[in-house]
Amino acid sequence: MKILRKKTYLSANLYNIMKIKVKVQPNSSKTEIIQEDTTNYKVYLKKPAHEGKANNELERLLKKHLKKKAKIIKCHTSKIKIVEIE
């Protein structure tokens, strides 16, 4: 019997680098961060998802909110992104 494991990106390691999952709603009327649980966030952004404007705003907003460096590492063109927090 073979056991399948889900591949998870949400974790923390020895170097205090944490990965979180962020669902982004670009072109919204508000800018807001909602923490659903410890590693899942929903973020509303005013910038459109065009030429990386929403991604840049997301990184800037998470950096300001979490007071740590935030960088998108996966799913740059998707609404659900994996972000690395240092």
N, C-alpha and C. Protein backbone atom coordinates (compact mmCIF):
# COMPACT_ATOMS: atom_id res chain seq x y z
N MET A 1 0.84 -1.18 0.00
CA MET A 1 0.00 0.00 0.00
C MET A 1 0.89 1.24 0.00
N LYS A 2 0.60 2.14 -0.93
CA LYS A 2 1.41 3.34 -1.07
C LYS A 2 0.69 4.51 -0.41
N ILE A 3 1.40 5.25 0.42
CA ILE A 3 0.82 6.41 1.10
C ILE A 3 1.28 7.66 0.39
N LEU A 4 0.35 8.45 -0.06
CA LEU A 4 0.67 9.70 -0.74
C LEU A 4 0.70 10.83 0.28
N ARG A 5 1.67 11.68 0.15
CA ARG A 5 1.78 12.84 1.03
C ARG A 5 1.55 14.10 0.24
N LYS A 6 0.84 15.02 0.85
CA LYS A 6 0.67 16.32 0.21
C LYS A 6 1.96 17.09 0.32
N LYS A 7 2.33 17.75 -0.76
CA LYS A 7 3.52 18.58 -0.74
C LYS A 7 3.13 19.90 -0.08
N THR A 8 3.80 20.25 0.97
CA THR A 8 3.46 21.47 1.68
C THR A 8 4.61 22.46 1.61
N TYR A 9 4.28 23.71 1.41
CA TYR A 9 5.28 24.77 1.37
C TYR A 9 5.23 25.62 2.64
N LEU A 10 4.28 25.34 3.49
CA LEU A 10 4.05 26.19 4.64
C LEU A 10 4.82 25.65 5.82
N SER A 11 5.88 26.32 6.17
CA SER A 11 6.72 25.80 7.23
C SER A 11 7.65 26.87 7.76
N ALA A 12 8.36 26.52 8.79
CA ALA A 12 9.44 27.35 9.31
C ALA A 12 10.65 26.44 9.46
N ASN A 13 11.84 26.99 9.29
CA ASN A 13 13.02 26.16 9.42
C ASN A 13 13.98 26.74 10.44
N LEU A 14 15.17 26.17 10.54
CA LEU A 14 16.14 26.58 11.55
C LEU A 14 16.64 28.00 11.38
N TYR A 15 16.53 28.55 10.19
CA TYR A 15 17.06 29.88 9.91
C TYR A 15 16.00 30.96 10.07
N ASN A 16 14.89 30.66 10.74
CA ASN A 16 13.78 31.60 10.94
C ASN A 16 13.19 32.11 9.64
N ILE A 17 13.16 31.28 8.64
CA ILE A 17 12.51 31.61 7.38
C ILE A 17 11.20 30.84 7.36
N MET A 18 10.11 31.57 7.24
CA MET A 18 8.79 30.96 7.24
C MET A 18 8.14 31.16 5.87
N LYS A 19 7.42 30.16 5.43
CA LYS A 19 6.69 30.26 4.17
C LYS A 19 5.20 30.29 4.47
N ILE A 20 4.51 31.24 3.85
CA ILE A 20 3.07 31.38 4.06
C ILE A 20 2.35 31.34 2.73
N LYS A 21 1.07 31.01 2.79
CA LYS A 21 0.22 31.00 1.61
C LYS A 21 -0.66 32.24 1.65
N VAL A 22 -0.67 32.99 0.55
CA VAL A 22 -1.41 34.24 0.50
C VAL A 22 -2.37 34.21 -0.70
N LYS A 23 -3.64 34.43 -0.42
CA LYS A 23 -4.62 34.57 -1.49
C LYS A 23 -4.79 36.06 -1.75
N VAL A 24 -4.54 36.49 -2.97
CA VAL A 24 -4.52 37.91 -3.32
C VAL A 24 -5.77 38.27 -4.12
N GLN A 25 -6.37 39.40 -3.77
CA GLN A 25 -7.49 39.96 -4.51
C GLN A 25 -7.04 41.33 -5.04
N PRO A 26 -6.46 41.36 -6.27
CA PRO A 26 -5.99 42.63 -6.82
C PRO A 26 -7.15 43.49 -7.32
N ASN A 27 -6.86 44.76 -7.57
CA ASN A 27 -7.84 45.70 -8.12
C ASN A 27 -9.05 45.83 -7.21
N SER A 28 -8.83 45.80 -5.91
CA SER A 28 -9.89 45.91 -4.92
C SER A 28 -10.07 47.38 -4.54
N SER A 29 -11.17 47.68 -3.90
CA SER A 29 -11.42 49.06 -3.47
C SER A 29 -10.71 49.39 -2.17
N LYS A 30 -10.13 48.39 -1.52
CA LYS A 30 -9.46 48.60 -0.24
C LYS A 30 -8.12 47.88 -0.21
N THR A 31 -7.26 48.26 0.71
CA THR A 31 -6.01 47.56 0.97
C THR A 31 -6.12 46.99 2.38
N GLU A 32 -6.11 45.66 2.48
CA GLU A 32 -6.36 45.02 3.76
C GLU A 32 -5.68 43.65 3.81
N ILE A 33 -5.19 43.28 4.99
CA ILE A 33 -4.63 41.95 5.23
C ILE A 33 -5.49 41.26 6.26
N ILE A 34 -5.94 40.05 5.92
CA ILE A 34 -6.73 39.23 6.85
C ILE A 34 -5.96 37.94 7.10
N GLN A 35 -5.63 37.69 8.37
CA GLN A 35 -4.93 36.46 8.72
C GLN A 35 -5.96 35.40 9.07
N GLU A 36 -6.05 34.36 8.22
CA GLU A 36 -7.03 33.29 8.44
C GLU A 36 -6.54 32.30 9.49
N ASP A 37 -5.26 31.96 9.48
CA ASP A 37 -4.61 31.19 10.54
C ASP A 37 -3.12 31.52 10.50
N THR A 38 -2.29 30.72 11.12
CA THR A 38 -0.88 31.10 11.26
C THR A 38 -0.13 31.19 9.93
N THR A 39 -0.51 30.41 8.93
CA THR A 39 0.21 30.42 7.66
C THR A 39 -0.66 30.76 6.46
N ASN A 40 -1.89 31.16 6.66
CA ASN A 40 -2.79 31.50 5.55
C ASN A 40 -3.29 32.93 5.72
N TYR A 41 -3.12 33.71 4.66
CA TYR A 41 -3.54 35.10 4.66
C TYR A 41 -4.40 35.38 3.43
N LYS A 42 -5.27 36.36 3.56
CA LYS A 42 -6.02 36.88 2.42
C LYS A 42 -5.72 38.37 2.36
N VAL A 43 -5.30 38.84 1.20
CA VAL A 43 -4.87 40.23 1.05
C VAL A 43 -5.63 40.89 -0.08
N TYR A 44 -6.22 42.03 0.22
CA TYR A 44 -6.90 42.86 -0.78
C TYR A 44 -5.96 43.99 -1.17
N LEU A 45 -5.75 44.17 -2.48
CA LEU A 45 -4.83 45.18 -2.98
C LEU A 45 -5.53 46.12 -3.95
N LYS A 46 -5.17 47.40 -3.90
CA LYS A 46 -5.75 48.37 -4.82
C LYS A 46 -5.12 48.31 -6.21
N LYS A 47 -3.87 47.91 -6.28
CA LYS A 47 -3.16 47.87 -7.56
C LYS A 47 -3.68 46.73 -8.44
N PRO A 48 -3.67 46.93 -9.77
CA PRO A 48 -4.11 45.87 -10.68
C PRO A 48 -3.02 44.80 -10.84
N ALA A 49 -3.43 43.64 -11.26
CA ALA A 49 -2.49 42.54 -11.51
C ALA A 49 -1.93 42.68 -12.92
N HIS A 50 -1.14 43.72 -13.11
CA HIS A 50 -0.59 44.03 -14.43
C HIS A 50 0.85 44.48 -14.26
N GLU A 51 1.76 43.82 -14.97
CA GLU A 51 3.19 44.13 -14.96
C GLU A 51 3.79 44.07 -13.56
N GLY A 52 3.29 43.19 -12.71
CA GLY A 52 3.86 42.97 -11.39
C GLY A 52 3.52 44.03 -10.35
N LYS A 53 2.59 44.94 -10.67
CA LYS A 53 2.25 46.00 -9.72
C LYS A 53 1.63 45.44 -8.45
N ALA A 54 0.74 44.47 -8.57
CA ALA A 54 0.10 43.88 -7.40
C ALA A 54 1.12 43.08 -6.58
N ASN A 55 2.03 42.39 -7.25
CA ASN A 55 3.07 41.62 -6.53
C ASN A 55 3.97 42.55 -5.73
N ASN A 56 4.36 43.67 -6.33
CA ASN A 56 5.20 44.64 -5.61
C ASN A 56 4.47 45.22 -4.41
N GLU A 57 3.20 45.54 -4.59
CA GLU A 57 2.42 46.07 -3.48
C GLU A 57 2.25 45.02 -2.38
N LEU A 58 2.05 43.76 -2.77
CA LEU A 58 1.91 42.68 -1.80
C LEU A 58 3.18 42.55 -0.94
N GLU A 59 4.34 42.50 -1.58
CA GLU A 59 5.59 42.38 -0.83
C GLU A 59 5.80 43.58 0.10
N ARG A 60 5.51 44.78 -0.38
CA ARG A 60 5.66 45.99 0.43
C ARG A 60 4.71 45.98 1.62
N LEU A 61 3.46 45.59 1.37
CA LEU A 61 2.45 45.58 2.42
C LEU A 61 2.75 44.52 3.49
N LEU A 62 3.17 43.33 3.07
CA LEU A 62 3.52 42.28 4.04
C LEU A 62 4.76 42.67 4.85
N LYS A 63 5.71 43.32 4.20
CA LYS A 63 6.91 43.77 4.91
C LYS A 63 6.53 44.78 6.00
N LYS A 64 5.63 45.68 5.66
CA LYS A 64 5.20 46.70 6.62
C LYS A 64 4.38 46.07 7.75
N HIS A 65 3.49 45.13 7.41
CA HIS A 65 2.61 44.51 8.40
C HIS A 65 3.35 43.56 9.34
N LEU A 66 4.23 42.73 8.78
CA LEU A 66 4.94 41.72 9.57
C LEU A 66 6.27 42.21 10.14
N LYS A 67 6.72 43.37 9.66
CA LYS A 67 8.00 43.95 10.08
C LYS A 67 9.18 43.02 9.81
N LYS A 68 9.07 42.27 8.70
CA LYS A 68 10.12 41.37 8.25
C LYS A 68 10.14 41.38 6.73
N LYS A 69 11.25 40.92 6.15
CA LYS A 69 11.38 40.88 4.71
C LYS A 69 10.44 39.82 4.13
N ALA A 70 9.68 40.19 3.09
CA ALA A 70 8.75 39.27 2.43
C ALA A 70 9.08 39.21 0.94
N LYS A 71 9.10 37.98 0.41
CA LYS A 71 9.42 37.79 -1.00
C LYS A 71 8.56 36.66 -1.57
N ILE A 72 7.93 36.92 -2.71
CA ILE A 72 7.14 35.89 -3.39
C ILE A 72 8.12 34.90 -4.01
N ILE A 73 7.95 33.61 -3.68
CA ILE A 73 8.88 32.60 -4.22
C ILE A 73 8.21 31.66 -5.22
N LYS A 74 6.88 31.55 -5.17
CA LYS A 74 6.17 30.69 -6.11
C LYS A 74 4.86 31.34 -6.52
N CYS A 75 4.39 30.99 -7.71
CA CYS A 75 3.07 31.39 -8.20
C CYS A 75 2.97 32.90 -8.42
N HIS A 76 3.92 33.47 -9.15
CA HIS A 76 3.92 34.91 -9.41
C HIS A 76 2.71 35.35 -10.24
N THR A 77 2.16 34.48 -11.05
CA THR A 77 1.04 34.87 -11.90
C THR A 77 -0.30 34.33 -11.41
N SER A 78 -0.31 33.69 -10.26
CA SER A 78 -1.52 33.12 -9.69
C SER A 78 -2.06 34.01 -8.58
N LYS A 79 -3.34 33.84 -8.23
CA LYS A 79 -3.91 34.59 -7.13
C LYS A 79 -3.49 34.03 -5.79
N ILE A 80 -3.14 32.75 -5.74
CA ILE A 80 -2.66 32.12 -4.51
C ILE A 80 -1.14 31.99 -4.63
N LYS A 81 -0.43 32.67 -3.73
CA LYS A 81 1.02 32.76 -3.82
C LYS A 81 1.68 32.17 -2.57
N ILE A 82 2.90 31.72 -2.74
CA ILE A 82 3.73 31.27 -1.63
C ILE A 82 4.76 32.36 -1.38
N VAL A 83 4.77 32.87 -0.15
CA VAL A 83 5.64 33.99 0.21
C VAL A 83 6.59 33.55 1.31
N GLU A 84 7.85 33.92 1.16
CA GLU A 84 8.87 33.60 2.15
C GLU A 84 9.07 34.81 3.06
N ILE A 85 8.99 34.58 4.36
CA ILE A 85 9.17 35.63 5.35
C ILE A 85 10.46 35.35 6.11
N GLU A 86 11.36 36.33 6.16
CA GLU A 86 12.64 36.15 6.89
C GLU A 86 12.61 36.88 8.20
